[in-house]
Amino acid sequence: MPATPIDRFARLIAPAGWQAVDFISDLHLQAGEPETFEALARYLRSPKPQRGDALFILGDLFEVWIGDDVLSAHASTSADPMFWRACASALHTFSTHTRVYFLHGNRDFLLGPAALAACGMQGLADPTVLTFQGQRWLLSHGDELCLADTDYMRFRAQVRTPEWQRDFLAQPLAQREGIARDMRAQSEARKRSTGHDQSLWADVDTDAARDWLQQAQAHTLIHGHTHRPAAHALGDDGLQRVVLSDWDLSATPPRAEVLRLDAQGLRRLPLAS
């Protein structure tokens, strides 16, 4: 029997008791920006009425992830193991009463089973169809749909192979750190070449997003990656994509936001104050 369109995508059916779910992405947590971690920690400590029944992290939780062994590294290394362990501890404590789901981003695609367990997170495939409140919602980090960014798409195809990841993770931690620094420097150089003008960055391809939604039999794609929080109509048939905010507490004004989905629909909850 031929597969129906939705069979292409992973699926998650929300338990009947869920009333609300929260989505975040692109926190880019790093030791050098403790304010962002503190904003996350405040959310994780919030009482039940102020949070959803589940938290979905749609990629780039961390600025960079060079292997799960950073969690057990010695404090004398430059991998900031104490910071990573603090992040994992806060998330794991939260997961004891609220489910946490994680979908890889372009910065933390190497986050593996040991880190997922340490953070109390359940991994999701990209994309995943969430069935909640009687509707299907398509979840993705979003980078796979930025087809116009051909340099990145070539890079993504390379680093997502098991062979590349095996060879990278086999290198000493210090060497991996150096490679990650070089990659980040190249990324910053690309941003500087556009004057940090986000309108010049490659965005999600409309036709590709529509194709995903039609195959998934969903009306809304929720994603991050582009740092352009907004709702974008994808035609006159009701299909749309909703972009999550990145988090940057040092920006003016500071940014930190949860997207909540409940019976009333989608709404944005600022957390920067």
C-alpha atoms as a PDB file:
ATOM      1  CA  MET A   1       0.000   0.000   0.000  1.00  0.00           C
ATOM      2  CA  PRO A   2       1.504   3.402  -0.939  1.00  0.00           C
ATOM      3  CA  ALA A   3       2.312   5.762   1.932  1.00  0.00           C
ATOM      4  CA  THR A   4      -0.023   8.667   2.565  1.00  0.00           C
ATOM      5  CA  PRO A   5       1.648  12.116   2.487  1.00  0.00           C
ATOM      6  CA  ILE A   6       1.790  12.517   6.251  1.00  0.00           C
ATOM      7  CA  ASP A   7       3.786   9.290   6.627  1.00  0.00           C
ATOM      8  CA  ARG A   8       6.881  11.207   5.492  1.00  0.00           C
ATOM      9  CA  PHE A   9       7.009  13.129   8.765  1.00  0.00           C
ATOM     10  CA  ALA A  10       7.525  12.075  12.348  1.00  0.00           C
ATOM     11  CA  ARG A  11       4.412  12.532  14.460  1.00  0.00           C
ATOM     12  CA  LEU A  12       3.704  13.388  18.084  1.00  0.00           C
ATOM     13  CA  ILE A  13       0.169  13.238  19.477  1.00  0.00           C
ATOM     14  CA  ALA A  14      -0.336  15.434  22.529  1.00  0.00           C
ATOM     15  CA  PRO A  15      -1.872  13.716  25.567  1.00  0.00           C
ATOM     16  CA  ALA A  16      -5.530  14.524  26.130  1.00  0.00           C
ATOM     17  CA  GLY A  17      -4.780  16.459  29.312  1.00  0.00           C
ATOM     18  CA  TRP A  18      -2.559  19.083  27.717  1.00  0.00           C
ATOM     19  CA  GLN A  19      -4.099  22.562  27.726  1.00  0.00           C
ATOM     20  CA  ALA A  20      -1.162  24.611  26.414  1.00  0.00           C
ATOM     21  CA  VAL A  21       2.305  24.089  24.920  1.00  0.00           C
ATOM     22  CA  ASP A  22       5.242  26.495  24.679  1.00  0.00           C
ATOM     23  CA  PHE A  23       7.797  26.913  21.888  1.00  0.00           C
ATOM     24  CA  ILE A  24      11.225  28.557  22.009  1.00  0.00           C
ATOM     25  CA  SER A  25      14.296  28.526  19.783  1.00  0.00           C
ATOM     26  CA  ASP A  26      17.560  30.297  19.050  1.00  0.00           C
ATOM     27  CA  LEU A  27      18.598  31.070  22.614  1.00  0.00           C
ATOM     28  CA  HIS A  28      22.246  30.494  21.617  1.00  0.00           C
ATOM     29  CA  LEU A  29      23.190  29.846  25.231  1.00  0.00           C
ATOM     30  CA  GLN A  30      26.858  30.493  25.989  1.00  0.00           C
ATOM     31  CA  ALA A  31      28.891  31.251  29.081  1.00  0.00           C
ATOM     32  CA  GLY A  32      29.775  34.720  27.823  1.00  0.00           C
ATOM     33  CA  GLU A  33      26.121  35.820  27.842  1.00  0.00           C
ATOM     34  CA  PRO A  34      24.760  34.818  31.263  1.00  0.00           C
ATOM     35  CA  GLU A  35      21.729  37.118  30.973  1.00  0.00           C
ATOM     36  CA  THR A  36      20.128  34.819  28.402  1.00  0.00           C
ATOM     37  CA  PHE A  37      20.582  31.798  30.643  1.00  0.00           C
ATOM     38  CA  GLU A  38      19.068  33.720  33.551  1.00  0.00           C
ATOM     39  CA  ALA A  39      16.022  34.580  31.435  1.00  0.00           C
ATOM     40  CA  LEU A  40      15.591  30.901  30.616  1.00  0.00           C
ATOM     41  CA  ALA A  41      16.090  29.947  34.264  1.00  0.00           C
ATOM     42  CA  ARG A  42      13.341  32.370  35.308  1.00  0.00           C
ATOM     43  CA  TYR A  43      10.960  30.762  32.855  1.00  0.00           C
ATOM     44  CA  LEU A  44      11.914  27.265  34.048  1.00  0.00           C
ATOM     45  CA  ARG A  45      11.194  28.299  37.644  1.00  0.00           C
ATOM     46  CA  SER A  46       7.816  29.841  36.821  1.00  0.00           C
ATOM     47  CA  PRO A  47       4.689  28.354  38.456  1.00  0.00           C
ATOM     48  CA  LYS A  48       2.328  26.131  36.487  1.00  0.00           C
ATOM     49  CA  PRO A  49      -0.178  28.834  35.440  1.00  0.00           C
ATOM     50  CA  GLN A  50       2.675  30.707  33.738  1.00  0.00           C
ATOM     51  CA  ARG A  51       3.952  27.831  31.590  1.00  0.00           C
ATOM     52  CA  GLY A  52       2.585  25.230  29.228  1.00  0.00           C
ATOM     53  CA  ASP A  53       2.138  21.512  29.736  1.00  0.00           C
ATOM     54  CA  ALA A  54       5.158  20.918  27.490  1.00  0.00           C
ATOM     55  CA  LEU A  55       8.129  22.907  26.234  1.00  0.00           C
ATOM     56  CA  PHE A  56       9.316  22.473  22.646  1.00  0.00           C
ATOM     57  CA  ILE A  57      12.840  23.754  21.924  1.00  0.00           C
ATOM     58  CA  LEU A  58      13.117  24.064  18.136  1.00  0.00           C
ATOM     59  CA  GLY A  59      16.876  24.231  17.764  1.00  0.00           C
ATOM     60  CA  ASP A  60      19.875  26.403  18.573  1.00  0.00           C
ATOM     61  CA  LEU A  61      19.370  26.129  22.297  1.00  0.00           C
ATOM     62  CA  PHE A  62      23.162  26.426  22.478  1.00  0.00           C
ATOM     63  CA  GLU A  63      25.445  28.747  20.537  1.00  0.00           C
ATOM     64  CA  VAL A  64      27.616  25.766  19.711  1.00  0.00           C
ATOM     65  CA  TRP A  65      27.716  22.114  20.750  1.00  0.00           C
ATOM     66  CA  ILE A  66      30.925  20.220  20.055  1.00  0.00           C
ATOM     67  CA  GLY A  67      30.051  16.927  21.720  1.00  0.00           C
ATOM     68  CA  ASP A  68      28.307  15.558  24.782  1.00  0.00           C
ATOM     69  CA  ASP A  69      31.652  15.094  26.520  1.00  0.00           C
ATOM     70  CA  VAL A  70      31.721  18.837  27.288  1.00  0.00           C
ATOM     71  CA  LEU A  71      29.418  17.977  30.196  1.00  0.00           C
ATOM     72  CA  SER A  72      32.116  15.838  31.808  1.00  0.00           C
ATOM     73  CA  ALA A  73      35.147  17.919  30.817  1.00  0.00           C
ATOM     74  CA  HIS A  74      37.536  19.195  33.461  1.00  0.00           C
ATOM     75  CA  ALA A  75      36.969  22.734  34.664  1.00  0.00           C
ATOM     76  CA  SER A  76      40.477  23.653  33.504  1.00  0.00           C
ATOM     77  CA  THR A  77      39.465  23.324  29.848  1.00  0.00           C
ATOM     78  CA  SER A  78      38.047  26.211  27.825  1.00  0.00           C
ATOM     79  CA  ALA A  79      34.834  24.324  27.110  1.00  0.00           C
ATOM     80  CA  ASP A  80      33.042  25.978  30.065  1.00  0.00           C
ATOM     81  CA  PRO A  81      31.846  22.651  31.517  1.00  0.00           C
ATOM     82  CA  MET A  82      30.360  24.311  34.602  1.00  0.00           C
ATOM     83  CA  PHE A  83      28.111  26.454  32.417  1.00  0.00           C
ATOM     84  CA  TRP A  84      26.949  23.504  30.319  1.00  0.00           C
ATOM     85  CA  ARG A  85      26.258  21.485  33.446  1.00  0.00           C
ATOM     86  CA  ALA A  86      24.239  24.374  34.930  1.00  0.00           C
ATOM     87  CA  CYS A  87      22.130  24.512  31.760  1.00  0.00           C
ATOM     88  CA  ALA A  88      21.573  20.762  31.839  1.00  0.00           C
ATOM     89  CA  SER A  89      20.686  20.799  35.536  1.00  0.00           C
ATOM     90  CA  ALA A  90      18.096  23.567  35.151  1.00  0.00           C
ATOM     91  CA  LEU A  91      16.435  21.828  32.209  1.00  0.00           C
ATOM     92  CA  HIS A  92      16.497  18.430  33.907  1.00  0.00           C
ATOM     93  CA  THR A  93      14.829  19.821  37.032  1.00  0.00           C
ATOM     94  CA  PHE A  94      12.133  21.397  34.855  1.00  0.00           C
ATOM     95  CA  SER A  95      11.626  18.104  33.006  1.00  0.00           C
ATOM     96  CA  THR A  96      10.666  16.341  36.233  1.00  0.00           C
ATOM     97  CA  HIS A  97       7.269  18.095  36.095  1.00  0.00           C
ATOM     98  CA  THR A  98       6.967  19.324  32.477  1.00  0.00           C
ATOM     99  CA  ARG A  99       7.841  17.454  29.304  1.00  0.00           C
ATOM    100  CA  VAL A 100      10.678  18.957  27.281  1.00  0.00           C
ATOM    101  CA  TYR A 101      11.180  18.183  23.581  1.00  0.00           C
ATOM    102  CA  PHE A 102      14.246  19.154  21.589  1.00  0.00           C
ATOM    103  CA  LEU A 103      14.762  19.479  17.848  1.00  0.00           C
ATOM    104  CA  HIS A 104      18.302  20.061  16.554  1.00  0.00           C
ATOM    105  CA  GLY A 105      19.346  23.405  15.112  1.00  0.00           C
ATOM    106  CA  ASN A 106      22.256  24.396  12.928  1.00  0.00           C
ATOM    107  CA  ARG A 107      24.392  25.264  15.984  1.00  0.00           C
ATOM    108  CA  ASP A 108      23.651  22.237  18.205  1.00  0.00           C
ATOM    109  CA  PHE A 109      23.089  19.426  15.698  1.00  0.00           C
ATOM    110  CA  LEU A 110      25.769  17.372  17.488  1.00  0.00           C
ATOM    111  CA  LEU A 111      23.808  17.245  20.743  1.00  0.00           C
ATOM    112  CA  GLY A 112      23.487  13.518  21.360  1.00  0.00           C
ATOM    113  CA  PRO A 113      21.765  10.970  23.603  1.00  0.00           C
ATOM    114  CA  ALA A 114      23.925  11.654  26.672  1.00  0.00           C
ATOM    115  CA  ALA A 115      23.175  15.387  26.586  1.00  0.00           C
ATOM    116  CA  LEU A 116      19.485  14.779  25.925  1.00  0.00           C
ATOM    117  CA  ALA A 117      19.349  12.565  29.006  1.00  0.00           C
ATOM    118  CA  ALA A 118      21.310  15.048  31.123  1.00  0.00           C
ATOM    119  CA  CYS A 119      18.859  17.802  30.150  1.00  0.00           C
ATOM    120  CA  GLY A 120      15.784  15.600  30.554  1.00  0.00           C
ATOM    121  CA  MET A 121      14.815  16.250  26.941  1.00  0.00           C
ATOM    122  CA  GLN A 122      13.191  13.975  24.382  1.00  0.00           C
ATOM    123  CA  GLY A 123      14.606  14.333  20.891  1.00  0.00           C
ATOM    124  CA  LEU A 124      12.367  15.081  17.910  1.00  0.00           C
ATOM    125  CA  ALA A 125      13.007  14.550  14.225  1.00  0.00           C
ATOM    126  CA  ASP A 126      13.034  17.600  11.951  1.00  0.00           C
ATOM    127  CA  PRO A 127      10.294  18.090  10.848  1.00  0.00           C
ATOM    128  CA  THR A 128       7.690  16.683  13.246  1.00  0.00           C
ATOM    129  CA  VAL A 129       3.914  16.954  13.059  1.00  0.00           C
ATOM    130  CA  LEU A 130       2.364  17.774  16.433  1.00  0.00           C
ATOM    131  CA  THR A 131      -1.308  16.910  16.842  1.00  0.00           C
ATOM    132  CA  PHE A 132      -2.768  19.241  19.465  1.00  0.00           C
ATOM    133  CA  GLN A 133      -6.176  20.851  20.013  1.00  0.00           C
ATOM    134  CA  GLY A 134      -7.576  18.819  17.131  1.00  0.00           C
ATOM    135  CA  GLN A 135      -5.134  20.229  14.563  1.00  0.00           C
ATOM    136  CA  ARG A 136      -1.789  19.335  13.044  1.00  0.00           C
ATOM    137  CA  TRP A 137       1.121  21.750  13.544  1.00  0.00           C
ATOM    138  CA  LEU A 138       4.380  21.265  11.642  1.00  0.00           C
ATOM    139  CA  LEU A 139       7.506  21.882  13.733  1.00  0.00           C
ATOM    140  CA  SER A 140      11.003  22.517  12.349  1.00  0.00           C
ATOM    141  CA  HIS A 141      14.146  24.469  13.091  1.00  0.00           C
ATOM    142  CA  GLY A 142      13.758  25.962   9.622  1.00  0.00           C
ATOM    143  CA  ASP A 143      17.288  25.899   8.242  1.00  0.00           C
ATOM    144  CA  GLU A 144      16.530  23.054   5.825  1.00  0.00           C
ATOM    145  CA  LEU A 145      14.058  25.318   4.047  1.00  0.00           C
ATOM    146  CA  CYS A 146      16.458  28.230   3.443  1.00  0.00           C
ATOM    147  CA  LEU A 147      17.194  26.976  -0.051  1.00  0.00           C
ATOM    148  CA  ALA A 148      18.645  30.249  -1.361  1.00  0.00           C
ATOM    149  CA  ASP A 149      21.540  30.003   1.108  1.00  0.00           C
ATOM    150  CA  THR A 150      23.400  27.600  -1.146  1.00  0.00           C
ATOM    151  CA  ASP A 151      26.707  27.804   0.741  1.00  0.00           C
ATOM    152  CA  TYR A 152      25.000  26.820   3.976  1.00  0.00           C
ATOM    153  CA  MET A 153      22.979  24.061   2.308  1.00  0.00           C
ATOM    154  CA  ARG A 154      26.204  22.486   1.036  1.00  0.00           C
ATOM    155  CA  PHE A 155      27.757  22.806   4.491  1.00  0.00           C
ATOM    156  CA  ARG A 156      24.641  21.330   6.115  1.00  0.00           C
ATOM    157  CA  ALA A 157      24.663  18.336   3.791  1.00  0.00           C
ATOM    158  CA  GLN A 158      28.297  17.668   4.716  1.00  0.00           C
ATOM    159  CA  VAL A 159      28.120  17.997   8.505  1.00  0.00           C
ATOM    160  CA  ARG A 160      24.894  16.030   8.892  1.00  0.00           C
ATOM    161  CA  THR A 161      26.463  12.844   7.527  1.00  0.00           C
ATOM    162  CA  PRO A 162      27.335  10.122  10.065  1.00  0.00           C
ATOM    163  CA  GLU A 163      30.872   9.957   8.668  1.00  0.00           C
ATOM    164  CA  TRP A 164      31.616  13.653   9.200  1.00  0.00           C
ATOM    165  CA  GLN A 165      30.163  13.608  12.694  1.00  0.00           C
ATOM    166  CA  ARG A 166      32.071  10.461  13.650  1.00  0.00           C
ATOM    167  CA  ASP A 167      35.362  11.937  12.461  1.00  0.00           C
ATOM    168  CA  PHE A 168      34.711  15.285  14.155  1.00  0.00           C
ATOM    169  CA  LEU A 169      33.755  13.756  17.514  1.00  0.00           C
ATOM    170  CA  ALA A 170      36.818  11.499  17.422  1.00  0.00           C
ATOM    171  CA  GLN A 171      39.095  14.547  17.644  1.00  0.00           C
ATOM    172  CA  PRO A 172      40.340  15.873  20.997  1.00  0.00           C
ATOM    173  CA  LEU A 173      38.055  18.377  22.688  1.00  0.00           C
ATOM    174  CA  ALA A 174      40.524  21.247  22.306  1.00  0.00           C
ATOM    175  CA  GLN A 175      40.797  20.622  18.579  1.00  0.00           C
ATOM    176  CA  ARG A 176      37.018  20.563  18.215  1.00  0.00           C
ATOM    177  CA  GLU A 177      36.845  23.870  20.075  1.00  0.00           C
ATOM    178  CA  GLY A 178      39.254  25.411  17.589  1.00  0.00           C
ATOM    179  CA  ILE A 179      37.218  24.184  14.626  1.00  0.00           C
ATOM    180  CA  ALA A 180      34.032  25.551  16.204  1.00  0.00           C
ATOM    181  CA  ARG A 181      35.680  28.942  16.772  1.00  0.00           C
ATOM    182  CA  ASP A 182      36.710  29.071  13.132  1.00  0.00           C
ATOM    183  CA  MET A 183      33.185  28.210  11.983  1.00  0.00           C
ATOM    184  CA  ARG A 184      31.680  30.891  14.203  1.00  0.00           C
ATOM    185  CA  ALA A 185      34.217  33.443  12.931  1.00  0.00           C
ATOM    186  CA  GLN A 186      33.244  32.630   9.347  1.00  0.00           C
ATOM    187  CA  SER A 187      29.567  33.009  10.242  1.00  0.00           C
ATOM    188  CA  GLU A 188      30.192  36.406  11.864  1.00  0.00           C
ATOM    189  CA  ALA A 189      32.201  37.512   8.843  1.00  0.00           C
ATOM    190  CA  ARG A 190      29.246  36.696   6.600  1.00  0.00           C
ATOM    191  CA  LYS A 191      26.960  38.734   8.847  1.00  0.00           C
ATOM    192  CA  ARG A 192      29.375  41.687   8.791  1.00  0.00           C
ATOM    193  CA  SER A 193      29.442  41.551   4.989  1.00  0.00           C
ATOM    194  CA  THR A 194      25.718  42.377   5.016  1.00  0.00           C
ATOM    195  CA  GLY A 195      26.049  44.928   7.800  1.00  0.00           C
ATOM    196  CA  HIS A 196      24.038  42.587  10.038  1.00  0.00           C
ATOM    197  CA  ASP A 197      21.041  43.496   7.864  1.00  0.00           C
ATOM    198  CA  GLN A 198      18.729  40.525   8.394  1.00  0.00           C
ATOM    199  CA  SER A 199      16.708  41.451   5.314  1.00  0.00           C
ATOM    200  CA  LEU A 200      19.709  40.354   3.253  1.00  0.00           C
ATOM    201  CA  TRP A 201      19.924  36.917   4.905  1.00  0.00           C
ATOM    202  CA  ALA A 202      18.395  33.941   3.138  1.00  0.00           C
ATOM    203  CA  ASP A 203      14.872  33.232   4.332  1.00  0.00           C
ATOM    204  CA  VAL A 204      12.607  30.187   4.257  1.00  0.00           C
ATOM    205  CA  ASP A 205      11.559  29.299   0.727  1.00  0.00           C
ATOM    206  CA  THR A 206       7.805  29.830   0.369  1.00  0.00           C
ATOM    207  CA  ASP A 207       7.209  27.029  -2.130  1.00  0.00           C
ATOM    208  CA  ALA A 208       9.189  24.546  -0.039  1.00  0.00           C
ATOM    209  CA  ALA A 209       7.292  25.520   3.110  1.00  0.00           C
ATOM    210  CA  ARG A 210       3.963  25.117   1.306  1.00  0.00           C
ATOM    211  CA  ASP A 211       5.045  21.723   0.013  1.00  0.00           C
ATOM    212  CA  TRP A 212       5.924  20.547   3.526  1.00  0.00           C
ATOM    213  CA  LEU A 213       2.607  21.764   4.934  1.00  0.00           C
ATOM    214  CA  GLN A 214       0.592  20.143   2.166  1.00  0.00           C
ATOM    215  CA  GLN A 215       2.375  16.829   2.611  1.00  0.00           C
ATOM    216  CA  ALA A 216       1.942  17.021   6.398  1.00  0.00           C
ATOM    217  CA  GLN A 217      -1.731  17.962   6.072  1.00  0.00           C
ATOM    218  CA  ALA A 218      -1.067  20.895   8.415  1.00  0.00           C
ATOM    219  CA  HIS A 219      -1.925  24.580   8.110  1.00  0.00           C
ATOM    220  CA  THR A 220       0.874  26.157  10.203  1.00  0.00           C
ATOM    221  CA  LEU A 221       4.629  25.671  10.225  1.00  0.00           C
ATOM    222  CA  ILE A 222       6.305  26.803  13.456  1.00  0.00           C
ATOM    223  CA  HIS A 223      10.054  27.339  13.139  1.00  0.00           C
ATOM    224  CA  GLY A 224      13.065  29.371  14.242  1.00  0.00           C
ATOM    225  CA  HIS A 225      16.482  29.919  12.657  1.00  0.00           C
ATOM    226  CA  THR A 226      15.790  33.109  10.686  1.00  0.00           C
ATOM    227  CA  HIS A 227      15.569  35.485  13.707  1.00  0.00           C
ATOM    228  CA  ARG A 228      12.574  37.197  12.041  1.00  0.00           C
ATOM    229  CA  PRO A 229       9.684  36.680  14.473  1.00  0.00           C
ATOM    230  CA  ALA A 230       6.419  37.141  12.603  1.00  0.00           C
ATOM    231  CA  ALA A 231       3.523  35.257  11.036  1.00  0.00           C
ATOM    232  CA  HIS A 232       3.885  34.890   7.267  1.00  0.00           C
ATOM    233  CA  ALA A 233       0.968  33.964   5.008  1.00  0.00           C
ATOM    234  CA  LEU A 234       1.963  31.423   2.367  1.00  0.00           C
ATOM    235  CA  GLY A 235      -0.859  32.145  -0.066  1.00  0.00           C
ATOM    236  CA  ASP A 236      -4.578  32.716   0.077  1.00  0.00           C
ATOM    237  CA  ASP A 237      -5.497  29.207   1.246  1.00  0.00           C
ATOM    238  CA  GLY A 238      -4.740  29.740   4.953  1.00  0.00           C
ATOM    239  CA  LEU A 239      -1.288  28.149   5.031  1.00  0.00           C
ATOM    240  CA  GLN A 240       1.213  30.080   7.121  1.00  0.00           C
ATOM    241  CA  ARG A 241       4.527  29.893   8.893  1.00  0.00           C
ATOM    242  CA  VAL A 242       5.071  31.396  12.325  1.00  0.00           C
ATOM    243  CA  VAL A 243       8.659  32.319  13.196  1.00  0.00           C
ATOM    244  CA  LEU A 244       9.956  32.149  16.753  1.00  0.00           C
ATOM    245  CA  SER A 245      12.036  34.951  18.259  1.00  0.00           C
ATOM    246  CA  ASP A 246      15.706  34.555  18.942  1.00  0.00           C
ATOM    247  CA  TRP A 247      16.866  35.480  22.470  1.00  0.00           C
ATOM    248  CA  ASP A 248      19.349  38.291  23.028  1.00  0.00           C
ATOM    249  CA  LEU A 249      19.188  40.043  26.396  1.00  0.00           C
ATOM    250  CA  SER A 250      21.983  42.439  25.437  1.00  0.00           C
ATOM    251  CA  ALA A 251      20.078  43.828  22.450  1.00  0.00           C
ATOM    252  CA  THR A 252      18.146  47.121  22.504  1.00  0.00           C
ATOM    253  CA  PRO A 253      15.405  46.352  23.263  1.00  0.00           C
ATOM    254  CA  PRO A 254      16.264  42.939  24.739  1.00  0.00           C
ATOM    255  CA  ARG A 255      14.628  39.890  23.169  1.00  0.00           C
ATOM    256  CA  ALA A 256      13.352  36.760  24.936  1.00  0.00           C
ATOM    257  CA  GLU A 257      10.011  35.297  24.017  1.00  0.00           C
ATOM    258  CA  VAL A 258       7.876  32.180  24.356  1.00  0.00           C
ATOM    259  CA  LEU A 259       5.280  31.302  21.740  1.00  0.00           C
ATOM    260  CA  ARG A 260       2.295  29.696  23.489  1.00  0.00           C
ATOM    261  CA  LEU A 261      -0.328  27.549  21.790  1.00  0.00           C
ATOM    262  CA  ASP A 262      -3.608  26.854  23.558  1.00  0.00           C
ATOM    263  CA  ALA A 263      -7.314  26.698  22.771  1.00  0.00           C
ATOM    264  CA  GLN A 264      -7.256  30.404  21.841  1.00  0.00           C
ATOM    265  CA  GLY A 265      -4.487  29.903  19.289  1.00  0.00           C
ATOM    266  CA  LEU A 266      -0.929  31.267  19.183  1.00  0.00           C
ATOM    267  CA  ARG A 267       0.305  34.209  21.261  1.00  0.00           C
ATOM    268  CA  ARG A 268       3.714  35.633  22.066  1.00  0.00           C
ATOM    269  CA  LEU A 269       4.807  36.040  25.693  1.00  0.00           C
ATOM    270  CA  PRO A 270       7.786  38.387  26.239  1.00  0.00           C
ATOM    271  CA  LEU A 271      10.226  37.312  28.942  1.00  0.00           C
ATOM    272  CA  ALA A 272      12.945  39.939  28.572  1.00  0.00           C
ATOM    273  CA  SER A 273      11.746  42.184  31.420  1.00  0.00           C
END
